[in-house]
Amino acid sequence: MATQKLYAGVKLREIRGRLSLTQKAFADKLGVSLPYLNQMENNHRPVSAAVVLALAQEFGLDVTELTVGESERLVSDMREALADPVFTALTPPLADLRLAASNAPALARAFLDLHRAYRQSHERLASLDEALGREDVGLKPSPWEEVRDFFHYCDNYIDAVDRAAENFAGSAEPRRDVVQLAQDLLRQRGISLHYEDGDRVRHFDPATRRLMISHRAQDATQRFQLLHQLALLTQNDLLEATLDLARFSTPEARDIAKIGLANYFAGAALLPYRVFLQAARKTRHDLERLAELFGASIEQVAHRLSTLQRPGAKGIPFFFVRVDQAGTITKRHSATRLQFARFGGACPLWNVHQAFETPGKFLRQFVETPDGVRYLNVAREVSKPAGAFLAPVRRYAIGLGCEVQHAADLVYSDGLDPRGRFEPIGISCRICERTNCHQRSIPPLERRLRVDPNTRDLLPYEIAD
């Protein structure tokens, strides 16, 4: 398999700006000529291995900053958007998309915003939405989509909030002491904490200074909700400042994002960055052991592993996904080259869908995406009971994975043969390049089809080259 050339001009300019160096000084430190650096910064040349090595040795740079980030996400999102039938004339080659994402990320974002506006207007027309008759209707992203994209393009890592949560946890032992710290802070603010039998998981009454948490909820959920409310009460200035920088387009999006930031603080306080990273490495990323050690749920641990992207102290780059029983992605994040589809569900060949059939068990799978990158994927069904006989049980499946070169650092690789079969998965049928997939639901929208009524193969059509 040919090695993909690394074009990272925007990132090189960002690094140079962060170091306050001129092009000449930066070139001297990297051991290259000024014209060569200029060509790399403008993506006329790929970043050489010698330059990558110099960045690591001279500046202590985590080289994964060059390979995975906003550019890959933009490329994935543009490919999915361009698979829309509205783009019927010509599909730009992948190399052009990579250049656009690297050289003109603002233009790429504008294109994605435009496509999202088109998609929303098309859906409104298709459903005869009565709101079309109102003058106040705009083609803005929904608040939920806007917040989802905010966390997506922040690499699901919010440095200021993460460090504030870590400082709060301090030297506290996992599990009990963090909860005790939270209870003490609430008490100092005159807030009484009560565990009651109620349908609401959490409720705070500012008038009576009374915080209620349902005792029906699982222990991990109770701890998380306590820390969430603590974030709203003690970290409000930080949360508001972060929201100001994000510049959400609607008050609804800002409100949803504030909940997301409070959730982020709660997860980071329950699983403090450096302590959790050390424990993850020591246990070889054993989700069950980590959940027991920190008093968290398996889903909380898996999600936290995917956020360990602090510059200079990164963990293994993971992808994390949660799907419901209909196959709809309800949470998604990737610090790897694999990027999830913005619309629709996950590839049916992933073991994350099979996890519903084996509740309480981990499923392991080696997979390969169409670009030839190989991953180890771990999936498990997770249930969220409501604590009463007639109360509904929410069921999800989670998937956590990393590129196969990191597999030995995961306990889940034990007993698996990396030379064995790699399941050929895709991202979405709409943009998947595979021509012989037995689970394909629709043809790839960017490829021509040939149909022979006298022949039936695996599919009722043939995908042309």
Protein backbone atom coordinates (compact mmCIF):
# COMPACT_ATOMS: atom_id res chain seq x y z
CA MET A 1 0.00 0.00 0.00
CA ALA A 2 1.47 3.37 -1.01
CA THR A 3 2.25 5.80 1.79
CA GLN A 4 0.03 8.88 1.72
CA LYS A 5 2.00 12.12 1.42
CA LEU A 6 1.57 14.54 4.30
CA TYR A 7 0.46 18.06 3.36
CA ALA A 8 0.15 20.20 6.50
CA GLY A 9 0.81 23.78 5.42
CA VAL A 10 -1.84 25.38 7.62
CA LYS A 11 -0.60 23.46 10.67
CA LEU A 12 3.01 24.45 9.97
CA ARG A 13 2.01 28.12 9.81
CA GLU A 14 0.08 27.73 13.06
CA ILE A 15 3.10 26.17 14.78
CA ARG A 16 5.41 28.90 13.52
CA GLY A 17 2.98 31.58 14.70
CA ARG A 18 2.68 29.92 18.10
CA LEU A 19 6.49 30.04 18.43
CA SER A 20 6.64 33.66 17.18
CA LEU A 21 9.31 32.77 14.59
CA THR A 22 9.93 34.28 11.18
CA GLN A 23 10.00 31.95 8.19
CA LYS A 24 13.80 32.33 8.03
CA ALA A 25 14.30 31.45 11.72
CA PHE A 26 11.84 28.55 11.49
CA ALA A 27 13.56 27.20 8.36
CA ASP A 28 16.98 27.38 10.06
CA LYS A 29 15.75 25.41 13.07
CA LEU A 30 14.18 22.77 10.80
CA GLY A 31 17.33 22.51 8.70
CA VAL A 32 15.64 23.42 5.40
CA SER A 33 15.92 26.31 2.99
CA LEU A 34 13.55 29.26 3.13
CA PRO A 35 12.01 28.49 -0.31
CA TYR A 36 11.46 24.85 0.74
CA LEU A 37 9.65 25.91 3.93
CA ASN A 38 7.55 28.36 1.93
CA GLN A 39 6.52 25.58 -0.45
CA MET A 40 5.57 23.30 2.46
CA GLU A 41 3.55 26.03 4.17
CA ASN A 42 1.61 26.58 0.94
CA ASN A 43 1.14 22.83 0.37
CA HIS A 44 3.20 22.85 -2.82
CA ARG A 45 5.40 20.20 -1.24
CA PRO A 46 4.59 17.50 1.33
CA VAL A 47 6.17 17.66 4.78
CA SER A 48 9.23 15.43 4.67
CA ALA A 49 10.15 12.83 7.28
CA ALA A 50 13.24 14.90 8.17
CA VAL A 51 11.06 17.93 8.93
CA VAL A 52 8.69 15.84 11.04
CA LEU A 53 11.68 14.52 13.00
CA ALA A 54 13.07 18.05 13.43
CA LEU A 55 9.71 19.30 14.72
CA ALA A 56 9.72 16.56 17.35
CA GLN A 57 13.36 16.98 18.38
CA GLU A 58 13.66 20.78 18.20
CA PHE A 59 10.24 21.78 19.57
CA GLY A 60 8.97 18.63 21.29
CA LEU A 61 5.98 18.61 18.93
CA ASP A 62 3.52 15.74 19.09
CA VAL A 63 3.64 14.80 15.40
CA THR A 64 0.10 13.42 15.50
CA GLU A 65 -0.97 17.08 15.42
CA LEU A 66 0.12 17.07 11.78
CA THR A 67 -1.71 13.94 10.69
CA VAL A 68 -5.11 14.01 12.36
CA GLY A 69 -7.26 17.04 12.96
CA GLU A 70 -9.65 19.45 11.34
CA SER A 71 -8.33 18.79 7.83
CA GLU A 72 -9.25 15.08 7.87
CA ARG A 73 -12.67 15.87 9.30
CA LEU A 74 -13.30 18.47 6.63
CA VAL A 75 -12.29 16.04 3.89
CA SER A 76 -14.61 13.36 5.25
CA ASP A 77 -17.52 15.80 5.60
CA MET A 78 -16.99 17.22 2.10
CA ARG A 79 -16.90 13.73 0.56
CA GLU A 80 -20.20 12.92 2.20
CA ALA A 81 -21.76 16.22 1.09
CA LEU A 82 -20.51 15.77 -2.50
CA ALA A 83 -22.15 12.35 -2.62
CA ASP A 84 -25.49 14.16 -2.58
CA PRO A 85 -27.37 13.63 -5.88
CA VAL A 86 -27.45 17.39 -6.41
CA PHE A 87 -23.77 17.15 -7.42
CA THR A 88 -24.24 15.07 -10.54
CA ALA A 89 -21.80 16.58 -13.03
CA LEU A 90 -18.38 16.01 -11.52
CA THR A 91 -17.00 14.74 -8.22
CA PRO A 92 -13.68 16.37 -7.32
CA PRO A 93 -10.85 13.90 -6.74
CA LEU A 94 -9.77 13.21 -3.20
CA ALA A 95 -6.50 15.08 -3.71
CA ASP A 96 -8.43 18.28 -4.52
CA LEU A 97 -10.54 17.90 -1.39
CA ARG A 98 -7.41 17.49 0.72
CA LEU A 99 -5.91 20.63 -0.81
CA ALA A 100 -9.11 22.59 -0.14
CA ALA A 101 -9.25 21.42 3.48
CA SER A 102 -5.57 22.23 4.03
CA ASN A 103 -5.26 25.49 2.08
CA ALA A 104 -8.74 26.96 2.45
CA PRO A 105 -10.45 25.51 5.54
CA ALA A 106 -12.76 28.54 5.84
CA LEU A 107 -13.98 27.98 2.28
CA ALA A 108 -14.51 24.27 3.02
CA ARG A 109 -16.57 25.16 6.09
CA ALA A 110 -18.63 27.62 4.06
CA PHE A 111 -19.34 24.90 1.49
CA LEU A 112 -20.48 22.52 4.25
CA ASP A 113 -22.72 25.22 5.72
CA LEU A 114 -24.23 25.83 2.30
CA HIS A 115 -24.89 22.13 1.74
CA ARG A 116 -26.44 21.80 5.18
CA ALA A 117 -28.74 24.76 4.39
CA TYR A 118 -29.72 23.12 1.10
CA ARG A 119 -30.36 19.80 2.81
CA GLN A 120 -32.57 21.40 5.44
CA SER A 121 -34.60 23.32 2.87
CA HIS A 122 -35.01 20.15 0.81
CA GLU A 123 -36.23 18.23 3.86
CA ARG A 124 -38.68 20.99 4.73
CA LEU A 125 -40.11 20.94 1.24
CA ALA A 126 -40.35 17.15 1.22
CA SER A 127 -42.29 17.11 4.47
CA LEU A 128 -44.44 20.15 3.59
CA ASP A 129 -43.25 21.82 6.77
CA GLU A 130 -45.75 24.51 7.69
CA ALA A 131 -42.91 26.67 8.85
CA LEU A 132 -42.07 27.47 5.22
CA GLY A 133 -44.86 29.98 5.26
CA ARG A 134 -43.30 32.00 8.04
CA GLU A 135 -40.95 34.90 7.38
CA ASP A 136 -38.73 34.11 10.36
CA VAL A 137 -37.60 30.76 9.02
CA GLY A 138 -33.89 30.62 8.21
CA LEU A 139 -31.70 27.91 6.80
CA LYS A 140 -29.41 27.78 9.80
CA PRO A 141 -28.20 24.54 11.29
CA SER A 142 -30.34 23.16 14.07
CA PRO A 143 -29.00 24.02 17.55
CA TRP A 144 -28.18 20.37 18.14
CA GLU A 145 -26.16 20.11 14.89
CA GLU A 146 -24.31 23.35 15.64
CA VAL A 147 -23.25 22.11 19.09
CA ARG A 148 -22.31 18.69 17.71
CA ASP A 149 -20.05 20.32 15.13
CA PHE A 150 -18.49 22.59 17.78
CA PHE A 151 -17.26 19.62 19.81
CA HIS A 152 -16.41 17.68 16.63
CA TYR A 153 -14.02 20.34 15.33
CA CYS A 154 -12.54 20.99 18.79
CA ASP A 155 -11.32 17.38 18.69
CA ASN A 156 -13.73 16.80 21.56
CA TYR A 157 -11.07 18.30 23.87
CA ILE A 158 -11.73 21.64 25.63
CA ASP A 159 -8.43 22.49 27.27
CA ALA A 160 -9.54 25.18 29.74
CA VAL A 161 -12.49 23.14 31.02
CA ASP A 162 -10.41 19.96 31.17
CA ARG A 163 -7.68 21.61 33.24
CA ALA A 164 -10.20 23.28 35.55
CA ALA A 165 -11.77 19.88 36.26
CA GLU A 166 -8.34 18.36 36.85
CA ASN A 167 -7.43 21.17 39.26
CA PHE A 168 -10.71 20.63 41.11
CA ALA A 169 -10.01 16.91 41.52
CA GLY A 170 -6.47 17.72 42.69
CA SER A 171 -4.87 14.90 44.62
CA ALA A 172 -8.22 13.29 45.48
CA GLU A 173 -8.38 9.55 45.12
CA PRO A 174 -10.70 8.34 42.37
CA ARG A 175 -14.29 7.57 43.20
CA ARG A 176 -15.09 8.57 46.79
CA ASP A 177 -12.97 11.66 47.43
CA VAL A 178 -14.07 13.57 44.33
CA VAL A 179 -17.67 13.10 45.38
CA GLN A 180 -16.81 14.24 48.91
CA LEU A 181 -15.11 17.36 47.51
CA ALA A 182 -18.24 18.16 45.51
CA GLN A 183 -20.50 17.66 48.51
CA ASP A 184 -18.30 19.90 50.67
CA LEU A 185 -18.34 22.69 48.07
CA LEU A 186 -22.12 22.52 47.78
CA ARG A 187 -22.46 22.62 51.55
CA GLN A 188 -20.22 25.70 51.70
CA ARG A 189 -22.60 27.40 49.28
CA GLY A 190 -25.59 26.57 51.40
CA ILE A 191 -26.91 23.87 49.07
CA SER A 192 -28.46 20.76 50.55
CA LEU A 193 -28.13 17.47 48.69
CA HIS A 194 -30.93 14.90 48.71
CA TYR A 195 -31.25 11.47 47.10
CA GLU A 196 -34.92 10.84 46.46
CA ASP A 197 -37.27 8.50 44.62
CA GLY A 198 -38.27 10.55 41.58
CA ASP A 199 -38.59 10.37 37.82
CA ARG A 200 -36.11 13.20 37.29
CA VAL A 201 -32.48 12.19 37.42
CA ARG A 202 -31.41 15.58 38.77
CA HIS A 203 -33.17 18.78 39.80
CA PHE A 204 -31.79 21.94 41.42
CA ASP A 205 -34.11 24.58 42.90
CA PRO A 206 -32.23 27.93 43.14
CA ALA A 207 -34.90 29.37 45.47
CA THR A 208 -34.61 26.69 48.15
CA ARG A 209 -30.93 25.87 47.39
CA ARG A 210 -31.92 22.22 47.21
CA LEU A 211 -30.32 19.68 44.88
CA MET A 212 -32.18 16.42 44.25
CA ILE A 213 -30.62 13.37 42.59
CA SER A 214 -32.64 10.24 41.97
CA HIS A 215 -31.54 7.29 44.04
CA ARG A 216 -32.90 5.07 41.26
CA ALA A 217 -30.03 6.13 39.03
CA GLN A 218 -26.91 3.99 38.91
CA ASP A 219 -24.01 5.04 41.16
CA ALA A 220 -21.91 6.27 38.24
CA THR A 221 -24.82 8.38 37.00
CA GLN A 222 -25.37 9.87 40.46
CA ARG A 223 -21.71 10.90 40.70
CA PHE A 224 -21.75 12.34 37.20
CA GLN A 225 -24.93 14.37 37.82
CA LEU A 226 -23.52 15.73 41.08
CA LEU A 227 -20.40 16.94 39.30
CA HIS A 228 -22.48 18.34 36.43
CA GLN A 229 -24.46 20.54 38.81
CA LEU A 230 -21.25 21.56 40.56
CA ALA A 231 -19.86 22.75 37.22
CA LEU A 232 -22.92 24.93 36.63
CA LEU A 233 -22.63 26.45 40.11
CA THR A 234 -18.86 26.89 40.49
CA GLN A 235 -17.52 27.14 36.93
CA ASN A 236 -20.14 29.40 35.37
CA ASP A 237 -17.67 32.17 34.41
CA LEU A 238 -15.41 29.68 32.63
CA LEU A 239 -18.32 28.03 30.82
CA GLU A 240 -19.72 31.40 29.72
CA ALA A 241 -16.31 32.58 28.48
CA THR A 242 -15.93 29.39 26.44
CA LEU A 243 -19.40 29.91 24.97
CA ASP A 244 -18.52 33.52 24.09
CA LEU A 245 -15.53 32.31 22.07
CA ALA A 246 -17.67 29.72 20.25
CA ARG A 247 -20.15 32.37 19.03
CA PHE A 248 -23.19 30.17 18.59
CA SER A 249 -25.83 31.52 16.25
CA THR A 250 -28.86 31.00 18.51
CA PRO A 251 -29.59 31.13 22.24
CA GLU A 252 -30.83 27.52 22.01
CA ALA A 253 -27.48 26.33 20.66
CA ARG A 254 -25.66 28.21 23.41
CA ASP A 255 -27.87 26.63 26.08
CA ILE A 256 -27.32 23.13 24.68
CA ALA A 257 -23.57 23.76 24.50
CA LYS A 258 -23.52 24.87 28.12
CA ILE A 259 -25.01 21.54 29.12
CA GLY A 260 -22.36 19.85 26.98
CA LEU A 261 -19.56 21.83 28.67
CA ALA A 262 -20.93 21.00 32.13
CA ASN A 263 -21.01 17.34 31.07
CA TYR A 264 -17.43 17.70 29.89
CA PHE A 265 -16.37 19.11 33.27
CA ALA A 266 -18.17 16.30 35.09
CA GLY A 267 -16.45 13.61 33.02
CA ALA A 268 -13.05 15.27 33.36
CA ALA A 269 -13.47 15.64 37.14
CA LEU A 270 -14.60 12.05 37.55
CA LEU A 271 -11.72 10.89 35.32
CA PRO A 272 -8.92 13.50 35.79
CA TYR A 273 -6.64 13.74 32.78
CA ARG A 274 -3.17 12.74 34.00
CA VAL A 275 -4.33 10.28 36.66
CA PHE A 276 -6.73 8.64 34.24
CA LEU A 277 -4.17 8.52 31.41
CA GLN A 278 -1.67 6.82 33.71
CA ALA A 279 -4.27 4.30 34.87
CA ALA A 280 -5.37 3.64 31.28
CA ARG A 281 -1.81 2.81 30.27
CA LYS A 282 -1.24 0.65 33.37
CA THR A 283 -4.41 -1.39 32.81
CA ARG A 284 -3.86 -1.53 29.04
CA HIS A 285 -7.12 0.37 28.55
CA ASP A 286 -9.27 -2.24 30.26
CA LEU A 287 -12.67 -0.52 30.36
CA GLU A 288 -14.05 -2.64 33.19
CA ARG A 289 -11.05 -2.12 35.47
CA LEU A 290 -11.03 1.60 34.80
CA ALA A 291 -14.75 1.85 35.46
CA GLU A 292 -14.31 0.09 38.81
CA LEU A 293 -11.27 2.16 39.77
CA PHE A 294 -12.90 5.54 39.08
CA GLY A 295 -16.52 4.72 39.91
CA ALA A 296 -17.61 5.48 36.36
CA SER A 297 -19.65 3.65 33.77
CA ILE A 298 -18.08 1.76 30.89
CA GLU A 299 -19.54 4.29 28.45
CA GLN A 300 -18.07 7.21 30.44
CA VAL A 301 -14.65 5.54 30.42
CA ALA A 302 -14.77 4.79 26.68
CA HIS A 303 -15.84 8.33 25.86
CA ARG A 304 -13.09 9.79 28.07
CA LEU A 305 -10.44 7.69 26.35
CA SER A 306 -11.39 9.35 23.05
CA THR A 307 -10.81 12.85 24.53
CA LEU A 308 -7.23 12.33 25.74
CA GLN A 309 -5.80 14.72 23.15
CA ARG A 310 -4.00 17.29 25.31
CA PRO A 311 -1.02 18.70 23.36
CA GLY A 312 2.21 17.23 24.70
CA ALA A 313 0.41 14.54 26.72
CA LYS A 314 -1.79 12.68 24.27
CA GLY A 315 -3.14 9.22 24.81
CA ILE A 316 -3.78 6.66 22.09
CA PRO A 317 -5.91 8.21 19.32
CA PHE A 318 -9.28 6.47 19.64
CA PHE A 319 -12.58 6.69 17.83
CA PHE A 320 -15.75 6.39 19.91
CA VAL A 321 -19.30 5.87 18.70
CA ARG A 322 -22.65 5.13 20.33
CA VAL A 323 -25.60 3.79 18.36
CA ASP A 324 -29.18 3.07 19.29
CA GLN A 325 -31.13 -0.05 18.36
CA ALA A 326 -32.19 1.50 15.06
CA GLY A 327 -28.52 1.92 14.11
CA THR A 328 -28.60 5.72 14.45
CA ILE A 329 -25.39 7.30 15.70
CA THR A 330 -26.19 9.24 18.88
CA LYS A 331 -22.60 10.08 19.86
CA ARG A 332 -19.53 10.18 17.68
CA HIS A 333 -15.95 11.30 17.95
CA SER A 334 -12.71 10.32 16.31
CA ALA A 335 -9.11 11.27 16.99
CA THR A 336 -8.10 8.80 14.25
CA ARG A 337 -8.18 9.04 10.47
CA LEU A 338 -11.58 7.33 10.52
CA GLN A 339 -14.36 9.92 10.48
CA PHE A 340 -18.02 9.08 10.96
CA ALA A 341 -20.79 10.07 8.57
CA ARG A 342 -22.65 13.22 9.56
CA PHE A 343 -25.97 11.77 8.43
CA GLY A 344 -27.38 8.27 8.83
CA GLY A 345 -26.00 5.30 10.70
CA ALA A 346 -22.79 3.33 10.98
CA CYS A 347 -21.66 0.59 8.59
CA PRO A 348 -23.72 -2.57 9.26
CA LEU A 349 -20.57 -4.71 9.10
CA TRP A 350 -19.26 -3.19 12.33
CA ASN A 351 -19.60 -5.41 15.39
CA VAL A 352 -21.18 -2.48 17.24
CA HIS A 353 -24.53 -3.60 15.79
CA GLN A 354 -24.01 -7.21 16.88
CA ALA A 355 -23.40 -6.08 20.46
CA PHE A 356 -27.16 -5.89 21.08
CA GLU A 357 -27.29 -9.66 20.59
CA THR A 358 -24.73 -10.32 23.36
CA PRO A 359 -25.54 -7.95 26.26
CA GLY A 360 -22.80 -7.58 28.84
CA LYS A 361 -20.08 -9.02 26.60
CA PHE A 362 -17.24 -7.37 24.70
CA LEU A 363 -16.94 -8.10 20.99
CA ARG A 364 -13.59 -7.66 19.25
CA GLN A 365 -13.00 -7.10 15.58
CA PHE A 366 -10.18 -6.19 13.21
CA VAL A 367 -11.51 -3.90 10.47
CA GLU A 368 -10.15 -2.18 7.38
CA THR A 369 -11.57 1.00 5.83
CA PRO A 370 -11.55 1.60 2.05
CA ASP A 371 -8.41 3.76 2.35
CA GLY A 372 -6.49 0.69 3.58
CA VAL A 373 -6.18 1.81 7.22
CA ARG A 374 -6.67 -1.02 9.72
CA TYR A 375 -8.22 -0.77 13.19
CA LEU A 376 -8.97 -2.84 16.27
CA ASN A 377 -12.59 -2.23 17.28
CA VAL A 378 -14.22 -3.18 20.58
CA ALA A 379 -18.01 -3.08 21.01
CA ARG A 380 -20.38 -3.65 23.89
CA GLU A 381 -24.07 -3.21 24.62
CA VAL A 382 -24.84 -0.80 27.47
CA SER A 383 -28.18 -0.53 29.23
CA LYS A 384 -29.51 2.38 31.25
CA PRO A 385 -32.30 1.10 33.48
CA ALA A 386 -34.60 3.63 35.14
CA GLY A 387 -34.74 1.74 38.44
CA ALA A 388 -38.36 0.59 38.40
CA PHE A 389 -40.20 -2.41 37.00
CA LEU A 390 -42.37 -0.54 34.47
CA ALA A 391 -39.83 2.18 33.70
CA PRO A 392 -38.31 2.02 30.19
CA VAL A 393 -34.77 0.72 29.75
CA ARG A 394 -32.60 2.64 27.31
CA ARG A 395 -30.28 0.39 25.31
CA TYR A 396 -27.28 1.44 23.28
CA ALA A 397 -24.15 -0.12 21.86
CA ILE A 398 -20.77 1.58 22.05
CA GLY A 399 -17.73 1.10 19.87
CA LEU A 400 -14.16 2.06 20.73
CA GLY A 401 -11.24 1.56 18.39
CA CYS A 402 -7.72 2.55 17.43
CA GLU A 403 -5.37 1.97 14.53
CA VAL A 404 -3.89 -1.51 14.58
CA GLN A 405 -0.35 -0.35 15.38
CA HIS A 406 -1.62 0.55 18.88
CA ALA A 407 -3.48 -2.75 19.35
CA ALA A 408 -0.80 -4.27 21.61
CA ASP A 409 -1.47 -1.49 24.14
CA LEU A 410 -5.05 -2.72 24.55
CA VAL A 411 -5.92 -5.77 26.62
CA TYR A 412 -8.57 -6.55 23.99
CA SER A 413 -5.90 -7.53 21.46
CA ASP A 414 -4.80 -10.52 23.55
CA GLY A 415 -5.41 -13.78 21.73
CA LEU A 416 -6.21 -12.09 18.41
CA ASP A 417 -4.04 -12.67 15.37
CA PRO A 418 -3.25 -9.37 13.62
CA ARG A 419 -2.38 -11.40 10.53
CA GLY A 420 -5.93 -12.75 10.38
CA ARG A 421 -9.02 -11.44 8.64
CA PHE A 422 -9.80 -7.73 8.66
CA GLU A 423 -13.50 -7.05 8.10
CA PRO A 424 -13.87 -4.63 5.14
CA ILE A 425 -16.05 -1.85 6.56
CA GLY A 426 -17.03 1.54 5.22
CA ILE A 427 -18.25 4.86 6.55
CA SER A 428 -21.58 5.21 4.79
CA CYS A 429 -23.05 3.39 1.81
CA ARG A 430 -23.57 6.75 0.12
CA ILE A 431 -19.81 7.33 -0.16
CA CYS A 432 -18.33 3.84 0.32
CA GLU A 433 -16.07 2.81 -2.57
CA ARG A 434 -16.43 -0.95 -2.13
CA THR A 435 -17.98 -2.64 -5.15
CA ASN A 436 -18.74 -6.08 -3.70
CA CYS A 437 -20.26 -5.46 -0.27
CA HIS A 438 -23.07 -7.89 0.52
CA GLN A 439 -24.61 -5.44 3.03
CA ARG A 440 -24.78 -2.42 0.71
CA SER A 441 -28.13 -0.67 1.16
CA ILE A 442 -27.88 1.91 -1.64
CA PRO A 443 -25.47 2.43 -4.55
CA PRO A 444 -22.59 4.86 -4.03
CA LEU A 445 -23.85 8.19 -5.25
CA GLU A 446 -20.54 9.24 -6.80
CA ARG A 447 -20.18 6.18 -9.07
CA ARG A 448 -21.92 5.15 -12.29
CA LEU A 449 -23.97 1.95 -12.40
CA ARG A 450 -24.39 -0.75 -15.03
CA VAL A 451 -27.57 -2.81 -14.96
CA ASP A 452 -28.04 -6.10 -16.85
CA PRO A 453 -31.61 -7.46 -16.50
CA ASN A 454 -30.36 -10.91 -17.54
CA THR A 455 -27.81 -11.22 -14.75
CA ARG A 456 -28.10 -11.14 -10.99
CA ASP A 457 -24.95 -11.16 -8.89
CA LEU A 458 -24.45 -10.14 -5.28
CA LEU A 459 -26.13 -6.83 -6.12
CA PRO A 460 -28.80 -6.18 -8.78
CA TYR A 461 -26.40 -3.74 -10.45
CA GLU A 462 -22.69 -3.42 -11.19
CA ILE A 463 -20.70 -0.46 -9.89
CA ALA A 464 -18.63 0.95 -12.74
CA ASP A 465 -15.04 2.09 -12.33
